[in-house]
Amino acid sequence: MALPATIYRTSIQLSHIDRNLYETLQATVAQHPSETAERLLARILAYAICYEPELAFTKGVAAGDEPDLWVKGPDGRVKVWIEVGLPDPVRLSKACRHANQVILFACGTSLARWQEQHLAKLSTISNLAIIGLDQGFLNLLAGRLERSITWSITITEGLLYLNVGGETLETGLSLLAGTLPL
């Protein structure tokens, strides 16, 4: 019998100063049994960083042909395709042909090797932005993971400040390739 998904409820006070965006975000996020806590947290961070009202979580890991998050237009076409992790470059290239904007939040223990192998070629794709997430930061957050996630996030000048349980954690958002339309 397959293991069920673990459900997390999130409440995020978002202050994205660079975008002049101040919102309270509420979301219910399912963690697939094969998904690590760090990857789940990277998806939630991607949601906050790229937030817009139409942004939605997909089936993610459970649906191989969907991204982790997306924005669909009224005609059903994908406007923004957001991936988390270190996907196959062929998958990213295909997504870039079908979506207006593709954003990858690159993270994982083998990020340096993935960059060495694929970043130069992927950097030539005009509608692809790649943001590096610090694995140490994700590991730190994973140690504080609870089923009810309450964060306060401030983003300014490429830095992300996250308050969880009265403690403020900080990380840089490294733009590895492309430009963000956000």
C-alpha atoms as a PDB file:
ATOM      1  CA  MET A   1       0.000   0.000   0.000  1.00  0.00           C
ATOM      2  CA  ALA A   2       1.343   3.436  -0.952  1.00  0.00           C
ATOM      3  CA  LEU A   3       2.142   5.946   1.735  1.00  0.00           C
ATOM      4  CA  PRO A   4      -0.145   8.986   1.849  1.00  0.00           C
ATOM      5  CA  ALA A   5       1.037  12.543   1.320  1.00  0.00           C
ATOM      6  CA  THR A   6       1.743  14.672   4.384  1.00  0.00           C
ATOM      7  CA  ILE A   7      -0.279  17.878   4.497  1.00  0.00           C
ATOM      8  CA  TYR A   8       1.202  21.202   5.649  1.00  0.00           C
ATOM      9  CA  ARG A   9      -0.726  24.391   6.254  1.00  0.00           C
ATOM     10  CA  THR A  10       1.197  27.590   5.621  1.00  0.00           C
ATOM     11  CA  SER A  11       0.626  31.157   6.674  1.00  0.00           C
ATOM     12  CA  ILE A  12       3.207  33.615   5.363  1.00  0.00           C
ATOM     13  CA  GLN A  13       3.402  37.344   5.990  1.00  0.00           C
ATOM     14  CA  LEU A  14       5.187  38.447   2.825  1.00  0.00           C
ATOM     15  CA  SER A  15       6.961  41.767   2.392  1.00  0.00           C
ATOM     16  CA  HIS A  16       8.620  41.707  -1.032  1.00  0.00           C
ATOM     17  CA  ILE A  17      10.066  45.199  -0.931  1.00  0.00           C
ATOM     18  CA  ASP A  18      11.684  44.991  -4.385  1.00  0.00           C
ATOM     19  CA  ARG A  19       8.239  44.369  -5.925  1.00  0.00           C
ATOM     20  CA  ASN A  20       6.286  46.635  -3.536  1.00  0.00           C
ATOM     21  CA  LEU A  21       4.208  43.570  -2.619  1.00  0.00           C
ATOM     22  CA  TYR A  22       2.789  43.063   0.877  1.00  0.00           C
ATOM     23  CA  GLU A  23       0.495  40.063   1.302  1.00  0.00           C
ATOM     24  CA  THR A  24      -0.656  37.424   3.744  1.00  0.00           C
ATOM     25  CA  LEU A  25      -0.399  34.080   1.967  1.00  0.00           C
ATOM     26  CA  GLN A  26      -2.356  31.011   3.011  1.00  0.00           C
ATOM     27  CA  ALA A  27      -1.744  27.681   1.323  1.00  0.00           C
ATOM     28  CA  THR A  28      -2.128  23.984   1.931  1.00  0.00           C
ATOM     29  CA  VAL A  29       0.810  22.023   0.557  1.00  0.00           C
ATOM     30  CA  ALA A  30       1.101  18.255   0.159  1.00  0.00           C
ATOM     31  CA  GLN A  31       4.466  16.551   0.593  1.00  0.00           C
ATOM     32  CA  HIS A  32       4.757  13.444  -1.569  1.00  0.00           C
ATOM     33  CA  PRO A  33       6.202  10.456   0.370  1.00  0.00           C
ATOM     34  CA  SER A  34       9.293  10.498  -1.871  1.00  0.00           C
ATOM     35  CA  GLU A  35       9.885  14.246  -1.399  1.00  0.00           C
ATOM     36  CA  THR A  36      12.469  15.520   1.084  1.00  0.00           C
ATOM     37  CA  ALA A  37      11.650  18.226   3.633  1.00  0.00           C
ATOM     38  CA  GLU A  38      14.212  20.486   1.946  1.00  0.00           C
ATOM     39  CA  ARG A  39      12.488  20.183  -1.427  1.00  0.00           C
ATOM     40  CA  LEU A  40       9.086  20.864   0.139  1.00  0.00           C
ATOM     41  CA  LEU A  41      10.496  23.990   1.780  1.00  0.00           C
ATOM     42  CA  ALA A  42      12.079  25.103  -1.505  1.00  0.00           C
ATOM     43  CA  ARG A  43       8.636  24.851  -3.145  1.00  0.00           C
ATOM     44  CA  ILE A  44       7.086  26.981  -0.413  1.00  0.00           C
ATOM     45  CA  LEU A  45       9.888  29.557  -0.730  1.00  0.00           C
ATOM     46  CA  ALA A  46       9.421  29.622  -4.518  1.00  0.00           C
ATOM     47  CA  TYR A  47       5.721  30.296  -3.943  1.00  0.00           C
ATOM     48  CA  ALA A  48       6.495  33.259  -1.690  1.00  0.00           C
ATOM     49  CA  ILE A  49       9.283  34.687  -3.876  1.00  0.00           C
ATOM     50  CA  CYS A  50       7.268  34.507  -7.100  1.00  0.00           C
ATOM     51  CA  TYR A  51       3.860  35.157  -5.577  1.00  0.00           C
ATOM     52  CA  GLU A  52       1.111  36.544  -7.715  1.00  0.00           C
ATOM     53  CA  PRO A  53      -2.610  35.895  -7.204  1.00  0.00           C
ATOM     54  CA  GLU A  54      -2.871  33.286  -9.975  1.00  0.00           C
ATOM     55  CA  LEU A  55       0.197  31.270  -8.842  1.00  0.00           C
ATOM     56  CA  ALA A  56      -0.788  27.724  -7.860  1.00  0.00           C
ATOM     57  CA  PHE A  57       0.855  24.550  -6.640  1.00  0.00           C
ATOM     58  CA  THR A  58       0.467  21.609  -9.007  1.00  0.00           C
ATOM     59  CA  LYS A  59       0.568  17.883  -8.301  1.00  0.00           C
ATOM     60  CA  GLY A  60       4.359  18.300  -8.561  1.00  0.00           C
ATOM     61  CA  VAL A  61       6.302  15.079  -7.995  1.00  0.00           C
ATOM     62  CA  ALA A  62       3.100  13.056  -8.429  1.00  0.00           C
ATOM     63  CA  ALA A  63       2.621  14.391 -11.986  1.00  0.00           C
ATOM     64  CA  GLY A  64       5.765  14.132 -14.066  1.00  0.00           C
ATOM     65  CA  ASP A  65       4.527  16.442 -16.812  1.00  0.00           C
ATOM     66  CA  GLU A  66       3.718  19.396 -14.539  1.00  0.00           C
ATOM     67  CA  PRO A  67       6.024  21.886 -12.830  1.00  0.00           C
ATOM     68  CA  ASP A  68       5.991  22.472  -9.077  1.00  0.00           C
ATOM     69  CA  LEU A  69       4.065  25.750  -9.471  1.00  0.00           C
ATOM     70  CA  TRP A  70       2.497  27.554 -12.370  1.00  0.00           C
ATOM     71  CA  VAL A  71       0.425  30.465 -13.543  1.00  0.00           C
ATOM     72  CA  LYS A  72      -2.057  29.622 -16.270  1.00  0.00           C
ATOM     73  CA  GLY A  73      -3.749  32.168 -18.492  1.00  0.00           C
ATOM     74  CA  PRO A  74      -7.501  32.286 -19.134  1.00  0.00           C
ATOM     75  CA  ASP A  75      -6.936  30.202 -22.273  1.00  0.00           C
ATOM     76  CA  GLY A  76      -5.295  27.401 -20.230  1.00  0.00           C
ATOM     77  CA  ARG A  77      -1.791  28.087 -21.545  1.00  0.00           C
ATOM     78  CA  VAL A  78       1.048  28.213 -19.032  1.00  0.00           C
ATOM     79  CA  LYS A  79       2.324  31.751 -18.503  1.00  0.00           C
ATOM     80  CA  VAL A  80       4.856  30.968 -15.742  1.00  0.00           C
ATOM     81  CA  TRP A  81       6.381  27.520 -15.135  1.00  0.00           C
ATOM     82  CA  ILE A  82       8.326  27.119 -11.862  1.00  0.00           C
ATOM     83  CA  GLU A  83      10.554  24.138 -11.103  1.00  0.00           C
ATOM     84  CA  VAL A  84      12.423  23.287  -7.899  1.00  0.00           C
ATOM     85  CA  GLY A  85      15.508  21.097  -7.621  1.00  0.00           C
ATOM     86  CA  LEU A  86      17.883  19.979 -10.355  1.00  0.00           C
ATOM     87  CA  PRO A  87      15.714  18.871 -13.277  1.00  0.00           C
ATOM     88  CA  ASP A  88      16.948  17.429 -16.521  1.00  0.00           C
ATOM     89  CA  PRO A  89      17.952  20.259 -18.911  1.00  0.00           C
ATOM     90  CA  VAL A  90      15.820  18.690 -21.653  1.00  0.00           C
ATOM     91  CA  ARG A  91      12.763  19.123 -19.429  1.00  0.00           C
ATOM     92  CA  LEU A  92      13.628  22.799 -18.879  1.00  0.00           C
ATOM     93  CA  SER A  93      14.182  23.399 -22.597  1.00  0.00           C
ATOM     94  CA  LYS A  94      10.827  21.822 -23.397  1.00  0.00           C
ATOM     95  CA  ALA A  95       9.117  23.942 -20.709  1.00  0.00           C
ATOM     96  CA  CYS A  96      10.686  27.079 -22.230  1.00  0.00           C
ATOM     97  CA  ARG A  97       9.065  26.261 -25.580  1.00  0.00           C
ATOM     98  CA  HIS A  98       5.626  25.979 -23.985  1.00  0.00           C
ATOM     99  CA  ALA A  99       5.598  28.711 -21.308  1.00  0.00           C
ATOM    100  CA  ASN A 100       6.189  32.449 -21.468  1.00  0.00           C
ATOM    101  CA  GLN A 101       8.572  32.363 -18.486  1.00  0.00           C
ATOM    102  CA  VAL A 102      10.340  29.457 -16.776  1.00  0.00           C
ATOM    103  CA  ILE A 103      11.942  29.876 -13.369  1.00  0.00           C
ATOM    104  CA  LEU A 104      14.125  27.235 -11.764  1.00  0.00           C
ATOM    105  CA  PHE A 105      14.920  27.348  -8.071  1.00  0.00           C
ATOM    106  CA  ALA A 106      18.066  25.252  -8.231  1.00  0.00           C
ATOM    107  CA  CYS A 107      18.876  23.406  -5.022  1.00  0.00           C
ATOM    108  CA  GLY A 108      20.230  20.080  -3.914  1.00  0.00           C
ATOM    109  CA  THR A 109      23.413  18.518  -2.664  1.00  0.00           C
ATOM    110  CA  SER A 110      24.802  18.150  -6.200  1.00  0.00           C
ATOM    111  CA  LEU A 111      24.042  21.743  -7.295  1.00  0.00           C
ATOM    112  CA  ALA A 112      27.701  22.583  -8.029  1.00  0.00           C
ATOM    113  CA  ARG A 113      28.093  19.576 -10.345  1.00  0.00           C
ATOM    114  CA  TRP A 114      24.728  20.299 -12.040  1.00  0.00           C
ATOM    115  CA  GLN A 115      25.801  23.912 -12.675  1.00  0.00           C
ATOM    116  CA  GLU A 116      29.128  22.785 -14.112  1.00  0.00           C
ATOM    117  CA  GLN A 117      27.412  20.397 -16.510  1.00  0.00           C
ATOM    118  CA  HIS A 118      24.368  22.411 -17.592  1.00  0.00           C
ATOM    119  CA  LEU A 119      24.433  26.101 -16.635  1.00  0.00           C
ATOM    120  CA  ALA A 120      26.388  27.390 -19.656  1.00  0.00           C
ATOM    121  CA  LYS A 121      23.950  25.864 -22.153  1.00  0.00           C
ATOM    122  CA  LEU A 122      20.829  26.798 -20.176  1.00  0.00           C
ATOM    123  CA  SER A 123      22.036  30.395 -19.792  1.00  0.00           C
ATOM    124  CA  THR A 124      21.400  30.945 -23.508  1.00  0.00           C
ATOM    125  CA  ILE A 125      17.625  30.421 -23.173  1.00  0.00           C
ATOM    126  CA  SER A 126      16.004  33.860 -23.093  1.00  0.00           C
ATOM    127  CA  ASN A 127      12.871  33.018 -21.089  1.00  0.00           C
ATOM    128  CA  LEU A 128      14.634  30.953 -18.408  1.00  0.00           C
ATOM    129  CA  ALA A 129      15.737  32.326 -15.041  1.00  0.00           C
ATOM    130  CA  ILE A 130      17.717  30.177 -12.626  1.00  0.00           C
ATOM    131  CA  ILE A 131      17.887  31.120  -8.952  1.00  0.00           C
ATOM    132  CA  GLY A 132      20.205  29.261  -6.612  1.00  0.00           C
ATOM    133  CA  LEU A 133      18.870  28.375  -3.165  1.00  0.00           C
ATOM    134  CA  ASP A 134      21.434  27.685  -0.464  1.00  0.00           C
ATOM    135  CA  GLN A 135      21.230  24.057   0.655  1.00  0.00           C
ATOM    136  CA  GLY A 136      22.501  24.944   4.139  1.00  0.00           C
ATOM    137  CA  PHE A 137      19.603  27.388   4.542  1.00  0.00           C
ATOM    138  CA  LEU A 138      17.106  24.713   3.443  1.00  0.00           C
ATOM    139  CA  ASN A 139      18.675  22.207   5.863  1.00  0.00           C
ATOM    140  CA  LEU A 140      18.340  24.752   8.686  1.00  0.00           C
ATOM    141  CA  LEU A 141      14.664  25.309   7.827  1.00  0.00           C
ATOM    142  CA  ALA A 142      14.045  21.559   7.628  1.00  0.00           C
ATOM    143  CA  GLY A 143      15.180  21.247  11.233  1.00  0.00           C
ATOM    144  CA  ARG A 144      12.369  23.656  12.197  1.00  0.00           C
ATOM    145  CA  LEU A 145       9.643  22.124  10.023  1.00  0.00           C
ATOM    146  CA  GLU A 146       6.223  21.716  11.608  1.00  0.00           C
ATOM    147  CA  ARG A 147       2.882  20.720  10.079  1.00  0.00           C
ATOM    148  CA  SER A 148       1.623  24.253  10.599  1.00  0.00           C
ATOM    149  CA  ILE A 149       4.115  26.664   9.022  1.00  0.00           C
ATOM    150  CA  THR A 150       3.979  30.288  10.144  1.00  0.00           C
ATOM    151  CA  TRP A 151       6.607  32.514   8.565  1.00  0.00           C
ATOM    152  CA  SER A 152       7.273  36.164   8.071  1.00  0.00           C
ATOM    153  CA  ILE A 153       9.363  36.769   4.941  1.00  0.00           C
ATOM    154  CA  THR A 154      11.013  39.986   3.834  1.00  0.00           C
ATOM    155  CA  ILE A 155      12.764  40.119   0.457  1.00  0.00           C
ATOM    156  CA  THR A 156      14.920  43.068  -0.497  1.00  0.00           C
ATOM    157  CA  GLU A 157      17.945  43.592  -2.760  1.00  0.00           C
ATOM    158  CA  GLY A 158      18.511  39.886  -3.391  1.00  0.00           C
ATOM    159  CA  LEU A 159      18.294  38.894   0.278  1.00  0.00           C
ATOM    160  CA  LEU A 160      15.575  36.877   1.951  1.00  0.00           C
ATOM    161  CA  TYR A 161      14.913  37.260   5.673  1.00  0.00           C
ATOM    162  CA  LEU A 162      12.682  34.590   7.173  1.00  0.00           C
ATOM    163  CA  ASN A 163      11.343  34.785  10.699  1.00  0.00           C
ATOM    164  CA  VAL A 164      10.294  31.454  12.146  1.00  0.00           C
ATOM    165  CA  GLY A 165       9.583  30.916  15.827  1.00  0.00           C
ATOM    166  CA  GLY A 166      11.040  34.298  16.806  1.00  0.00           C
ATOM    167  CA  GLU A 167      14.342  33.601  15.040  1.00  0.00           C
ATOM    168  CA  THR A 168      15.354  35.399  11.841  1.00  0.00           C
ATOM    169  CA  LEU A 169      17.249  33.409   9.228  1.00  0.00           C
ATOM    170  CA  GLU A 170      18.882  35.059   6.216  1.00  0.00           C
ATOM    171  CA  THR A 171      19.916  33.822   2.794  1.00  0.00           C
ATOM    172  CA  GLY A 172      20.865  35.310  -0.528  1.00  0.00           C
ATOM    173  CA  LEU A 173      18.898  34.673  -3.686  1.00  0.00           C
ATOM    174  CA  SER A 174      21.582  34.055  -6.287  1.00  0.00           C
ATOM    175  CA  LEU A 175      20.486  34.719  -9.852  1.00  0.00           C
ATOM    176  CA  LEU A 176      22.572  32.139 -11.722  1.00  0.00           C
ATOM    177  CA  ALA A 177      21.128  32.794 -15.194  1.00  0.00           C
ATOM    178  CA  GLY A 178      18.566  34.954 -16.953  1.00  0.00           C
ATOM    179  CA  THR A 179      16.525  37.817 -15.602  1.00  0.00           C
ATOM    180  CA  LEU A 180      13.410  37.834 -13.529  1.00  0.00           C
ATOM    181  CA  PRO A 181      10.299  39.541 -14.832  1.00  0.00           C
ATOM    182  CA  LEU A 182       9.067  39.889 -11.260  1.00  0.00           C
END
